[in-house]
Amino acid sequence: MTRFTQKMMLILLIFSSQLVVNCSSDDDSINEVIENSTIWMDDLESSLGTGTKAKLNSWIDKGLNSTKLKDAFSKSNDKSGLMTNLESAISIYHQRVFIEDWDNIPGIAKFDYKSNGLSSGITNPDWNNPDLDLPAIAAANFVDAAATVLPAGTKIYRVTGGNPAGGYWTREKPSSIGAVIGGTAVQPAWNDFSKCYEYEVPKELTLKVWQGITARQPIAMGVINPHLPGGDVQLFLPPVVRDEAFKKLVIQTALLW
């Protein structure tokens, strides 16, 4: 074997050894990342009980941001309380409020909330019926509101997972969850946005409602940035209008998203 051949073999041996070391180092780094990506779940499993990790992973599979979820638990002084809140949340948007994942809640405005709702209720003397007044608690959800009579054939819509005959409606069917959350300022804690309901004013009848621009709302109690900007037209139907005859005509329709 010539001296040149010996040198070449030595170089190849050194190179191969370095390649093995580098590959081993890369594998160790990958394994460390994988371990660190789930070790926080293992810690929570130990402190909060068996099944915690499985729940966290199921929420992530459904679209909850794993980094935001991890950060929320890391910052929380009450991890058990945070876990309870996430378990009792009525939708993934509600869960995102608890972990402050503002980028994945459509329709929100990322600056400080300032109230722009009406400060008192409104009476319409032409109706001459206190049961048809706009109460102060509802007026606060409007920038402005006018007594309006909807003619026969008018269709109105309500997106909710709860009461299909509740007080707040729109003249147009919402085209997205962002339009409900942002445009009509519906907190994720109030609604799971799972169903759309429609009511059509019957022939030869009218419907007395209050119509106006939706006021801003905080996105959650104690949170002023971000907030729900409002700005879309909404309706408030006084309870006396939503009688048994009204409820019988409310039908469920397909959501547009």
Protein backbone atom coordinates (compact mmCIF):
# COMPACT_ATOMS: atom_id res chain seq x y z
CA MET A 1 0.00 0.00 0.00
CA THR A 2 1.49 3.32 -1.03
CA ARG A 3 1.89 6.24 1.32
CA PHE A 4 -0.68 8.22 -0.72
CA THR A 5 -3.26 5.46 -0.37
CA GLN A 6 -2.64 5.30 3.36
CA LYS A 7 -3.22 9.05 3.67
CA MET A 8 -6.46 8.87 1.69
CA MET A 9 -7.79 6.03 3.85
CA LEU A 10 -6.92 7.97 7.00
CA ILE A 11 -8.75 11.05 5.70
CA LEU A 12 -11.82 8.96 4.83
CA LEU A 13 -11.76 7.33 8.28
CA ILE A 14 -11.62 10.72 10.02
CA PHE A 15 -14.41 12.10 7.81
CA SER A 16 -16.63 9.08 8.48
CA SER A 17 -16.07 9.35 12.21
CA GLN A 18 -16.98 13.03 12.16
CA LEU A 19 -20.12 12.27 10.13
CA VAL A 20 -21.22 9.71 12.70
CA VAL A 21 -20.59 12.19 15.52
CA ASN A 22 -22.53 14.93 13.71
CA CYS A 23 -25.47 12.63 12.92
CA SER A 24 -25.53 11.50 16.55
CA SER A 25 -25.49 15.14 17.67
CA ASP A 26 -28.35 15.99 15.31
CA ASP A 27 -30.37 13.03 16.58
CA ASP A 28 -29.78 14.13 20.16
CA SER A 29 -30.99 17.64 19.33
CA ILE A 30 -34.11 16.33 17.64
CA ASN A 31 -34.83 14.02 20.56
CA GLU A 32 -34.34 16.90 22.99
CA VAL A 33 -36.81 19.09 21.05
CA ILE A 34 -39.39 16.30 20.99
CA GLU A 35 -38.95 15.68 24.72
CA ASN A 36 -39.16 19.37 25.62
CA SER A 37 -42.26 19.81 23.44
CA THR A 38 -44.28 17.47 25.65
CA ILE A 39 -42.55 17.57 29.04
CA TRP A 40 -44.80 20.45 30.14
CA MET A 41 -47.80 18.20 29.51
CA ASP A 42 -46.22 15.46 31.61
CA ASP A 43 -45.73 17.96 34.43
CA LEU A 44 -49.39 18.99 34.23
CA GLU A 45 -50.44 15.34 34.15
CA SER A 46 -48.55 14.83 37.40
CA SER A 47 -50.07 17.86 39.12
CA LEU A 48 -53.60 17.94 37.66
CA GLY A 49 -54.28 14.25 37.31
CA THR A 50 -54.45 11.39 34.82
CA GLY A 51 -56.08 12.33 31.53
CA THR A 52 -54.78 15.89 31.49
CA LYS A 53 -52.28 15.23 28.70
CA ALA A 54 -54.88 13.45 26.59
CA LYS A 55 -57.26 16.41 26.89
CA LEU A 56 -54.55 18.89 25.96
CA ASN A 57 -53.63 16.86 22.89
CA SER A 58 -57.27 16.51 21.85
CA TRP A 59 -57.71 20.29 21.99
CA ILE A 60 -54.56 20.79 19.95
CA ASP A 61 -55.85 18.27 17.39
CA LYS A 62 -59.04 20.34 17.12
CA GLY A 63 -57.10 23.52 16.38
CA LEU A 64 -55.93 25.00 19.68
CA ASN A 65 -52.47 26.52 19.31
CA SER A 66 -49.99 24.36 21.26
CA THR A 67 -47.52 27.20 21.86
CA LYS A 68 -50.21 29.54 23.21
CA LEU A 69 -51.59 26.72 25.34
CA LYS A 70 -48.16 25.96 26.79
CA ASP A 71 -47.45 29.65 27.43
CA ALA A 72 -50.82 30.12 29.16
CA PHE A 73 -50.09 27.33 31.62
CA SER A 74 -46.53 28.55 32.10
CA LYS A 75 -47.75 32.04 33.09
CA SER A 76 -50.75 30.92 35.14
CA ASN A 77 -50.66 31.00 38.94
CA ASP A 78 -53.76 28.81 39.00
CA LYS A 79 -53.17 25.96 36.58
CA SER A 80 -56.08 23.97 37.96
CA GLY A 81 -58.39 26.95 37.42
CA LEU A 82 -57.13 27.42 33.86
CA MET A 83 -57.71 23.74 33.13
CA THR A 84 -61.25 24.01 34.48
CA ASN A 85 -61.91 27.06 32.32
CA LEU A 86 -60.69 25.26 29.21
CA GLU A 87 -62.80 22.21 30.02
CA SER A 88 -65.96 24.29 30.53
CA ALA A 89 -65.42 26.59 27.52
CA ILE A 90 -68.34 26.43 25.09
CA SER A 91 -66.25 26.61 21.91
CA ILE A 92 -62.68 26.71 20.66
CA TYR A 93 -63.03 30.51 20.38
CA HIS A 94 -63.87 30.64 24.06
CA GLN A 95 -60.81 28.49 24.82
CA ARG A 96 -58.68 30.90 22.79
CA VAL A 97 -59.79 33.74 25.04
CA PHE A 98 -58.45 31.86 28.07
CA ILE A 99 -55.05 31.29 26.45
CA GLU A 100 -54.98 34.78 24.90
CA ASP A 101 -54.67 33.49 21.35
CA TRP A 102 -55.95 36.70 19.81
CA ASP A 103 -54.61 35.90 16.34
CA ASN A 104 -57.10 33.06 15.95
CA ILE A 105 -60.29 34.81 17.09
CA PRO A 106 -61.83 36.40 13.99
CA GLY A 107 -63.37 39.87 13.98
CA ILE A 108 -61.55 41.36 16.99
CA ALA A 109 -59.88 44.77 17.17
CA LYS A 110 -56.40 44.86 18.68
CA PHE A 111 -56.50 48.07 20.65
CA ASP A 112 -58.03 49.24 23.92
CA TYR A 113 -61.76 49.03 24.46
CA LYS A 114 -63.70 52.24 25.05
CA SER A 115 -67.44 52.09 25.62
CA ASN A 116 -69.57 53.78 22.98
CA GLY A 117 -72.97 52.36 23.94
CA LEU A 118 -76.07 54.34 24.89
CA SER A 119 -76.19 55.36 28.52
CA SER A 120 -79.94 55.03 29.09
CA GLY A 121 -83.02 53.28 27.79
CA ILE A 122 -85.35 54.65 25.13
CA THR A 123 -89.12 54.96 24.97
CA ASN A 124 -91.14 55.34 21.79
CA PRO A 125 -94.19 57.53 22.55
CA ASP A 126 -95.91 56.44 19.33
CA TRP A 127 -96.04 52.87 20.58
CA ASN A 128 -97.25 54.01 23.99
CA ASN A 129 -96.32 50.69 25.58
CA PRO A 130 -93.58 50.38 28.22
CA ASP A 131 -93.25 46.68 27.38
CA LEU A 132 -91.86 47.74 24.01
CA ASP A 133 -89.24 50.12 25.45
CA LEU A 134 -85.54 49.58 24.87
CA PRO A 135 -84.23 48.93 28.42
CA ALA A 136 -80.98 50.48 29.55
CA ILE A 137 -79.21 47.11 29.73
CA ALA A 138 -79.99 46.51 26.04
CA ALA A 139 -79.42 50.14 25.01
CA ALA A 140 -75.81 49.85 26.19
CA ASN A 141 -75.26 47.45 23.28
CA PHE A 142 -76.18 50.11 20.72
CA VAL A 143 -74.36 53.20 19.44
CA ASP A 144 -77.76 54.40 18.31
CA ALA A 145 -81.19 52.79 18.17
CA ALA A 146 -84.47 53.65 16.51
CA ALA A 147 -87.94 52.19 16.97
CA THR A 148 -88.61 50.25 13.77
CA VAL A 149 -91.59 48.34 12.43
CA LEU A 150 -90.68 45.37 10.25
CA PRO A 151 -93.30 44.61 7.60
CA ALA A 152 -94.69 41.19 6.69
CA GLY A 153 -92.24 39.05 4.78
CA THR A 154 -89.16 40.47 6.52
CA LYS A 155 -86.64 37.80 7.49
CA ILE A 156 -84.32 38.17 10.47
CA TYR A 157 -81.49 35.95 11.67
CA ARG A 158 -79.82 34.86 14.89
CA VAL A 159 -76.63 32.80 15.33
CA THR A 160 -76.37 30.97 18.63
CA GLY A 161 -76.00 27.63 20.30
CA GLY A 162 -78.52 28.52 22.97
CA ASN A 163 -81.86 30.32 22.92
CA PRO A 164 -83.23 30.42 19.34
CA ALA A 165 -85.74 33.08 20.33
CA GLY A 166 -83.38 35.42 22.16
CA GLY A 167 -83.42 39.20 21.93
CA TYR A 168 -80.66 40.04 19.42
CA TRP A 169 -81.05 39.51 15.67
CA THR A 170 -79.79 40.85 12.35
CA ARG A 171 -81.49 41.78 9.08
CA GLU A 172 -78.77 39.97 7.11
CA LYS A 173 -77.64 36.39 7.61
CA PRO A 174 -74.06 36.56 8.99
CA SER A 175 -71.51 35.28 6.48
CA SER A 176 -68.82 34.32 8.98
CA ILE A 177 -68.06 33.81 12.66
CA GLY A 178 -65.99 36.99 12.48
CA ALA A 179 -69.09 38.93 11.50
CA VAL A 180 -70.87 37.66 14.61
CA ILE A 181 -67.96 38.05 17.03
CA GLY A 182 -66.69 41.35 15.65
CA GLY A 183 -69.55 43.01 13.78
CA THR A 184 -72.27 42.31 16.34
CA ALA A 185 -69.82 42.18 19.29
CA VAL A 186 -70.73 38.76 20.68
CA GLN A 187 -68.31 37.52 23.32
CA PRO A 188 -67.18 33.90 22.80
CA ALA A 189 -68.34 33.22 26.38
CA TRP A 190 -71.93 33.97 25.31
CA ASN A 191 -72.23 31.85 22.19
CA ASP A 192 -70.82 28.74 20.52
CA PHE A 193 -71.89 29.96 17.06
CA SER A 194 -73.15 26.50 16.13
CA LYS A 195 -76.65 27.23 14.81
CA CYS A 196 -78.45 29.83 12.71
CA TYR A 197 -82.12 30.64 13.20
CA GLU A 198 -84.51 32.51 10.94
CA TYR A 199 -87.81 34.22 11.59
CA GLU A 200 -90.11 35.63 8.91
CA VAL A 201 -92.79 38.17 9.81
CA PRO A 202 -96.12 36.52 8.92
CA LYS A 203 -98.51 37.89 6.33
CA GLU A 204 -100.68 40.79 7.46
CA LEU A 205 -98.56 41.27 10.58
CA THR A 206 -95.68 43.54 11.58
CA LEU A 207 -92.92 43.26 14.17
CA LYS A 208 -91.90 46.10 16.49
CA VAL A 209 -88.14 46.13 17.11
CA TRP A 210 -85.25 48.44 17.92
CA GLN A 211 -82.64 48.80 15.20
CA GLY A 212 -79.22 50.40 15.32
CA ILE A 213 -75.45 50.16 15.14
CA THR A 214 -73.82 47.61 17.47
CA ALA A 215 -71.66 49.13 20.20
CA ARG A 216 -68.21 47.90 21.17
CA GLN A 217 -67.81 45.21 23.80
CA PRO A 218 -64.83 43.88 25.78
CA ILE A 219 -63.83 40.46 24.53
CA ALA A 220 -64.01 39.14 28.09
CA MET A 221 -64.41 40.49 31.59
CA GLY A 222 -61.29 42.37 32.60
CA VAL A 223 -59.79 42.42 29.09
CA ILE A 224 -59.75 45.75 27.22
CA ASN A 225 -57.18 44.91 24.56
CA PRO A 226 -58.21 43.41 22.24
CA HIS A 227 -61.97 44.03 22.10
CA LEU A 228 -65.04 43.48 19.92
CA PRO A 229 -65.49 46.50 17.62
CA GLY A 230 -69.18 46.17 16.68
CA GLY A 231 -70.31 48.47 13.90
CA ASP A 232 -72.84 46.21 12.17
CA VAL A 233 -76.60 46.79 12.28
CA GLN A 234 -78.44 44.70 14.84
CA LEU A 235 -81.98 44.38 16.14
CA PHE A 236 -83.34 44.04 19.64
CA LEU A 237 -86.71 42.37 20.04
CA PRO A 238 -88.45 43.18 23.36
CA PRO A 239 -89.56 40.09 25.32
CA VAL A 240 -93.24 40.89 24.74
CA VAL A 241 -92.67 40.52 20.99
CA ARG A 242 -91.06 37.10 21.39
CA ASP A 243 -94.23 35.36 22.49
CA GLU A 244 -95.25 31.76 21.91
CA ALA A 245 -96.55 32.55 18.41
CA PHE A 246 -93.17 34.09 17.56
CA LYS A 247 -91.23 31.09 18.90
CA LYS A 248 -93.26 28.63 16.83
CA LEU A 249 -92.18 30.38 13.62
CA VAL A 250 -88.46 30.36 14.36
CA ILE A 251 -86.71 27.79 12.19
CA GLN A 252 -83.14 26.53 12.08
CA THR A 253 -81.22 27.11 8.85
CA ALA A 254 -77.78 26.13 7.59
CA LEU A 255 -74.80 28.23 8.61
CA LEU A 256 -72.91 29.93 5.81
CA TRP A 257 -69.50 28.86 7.12
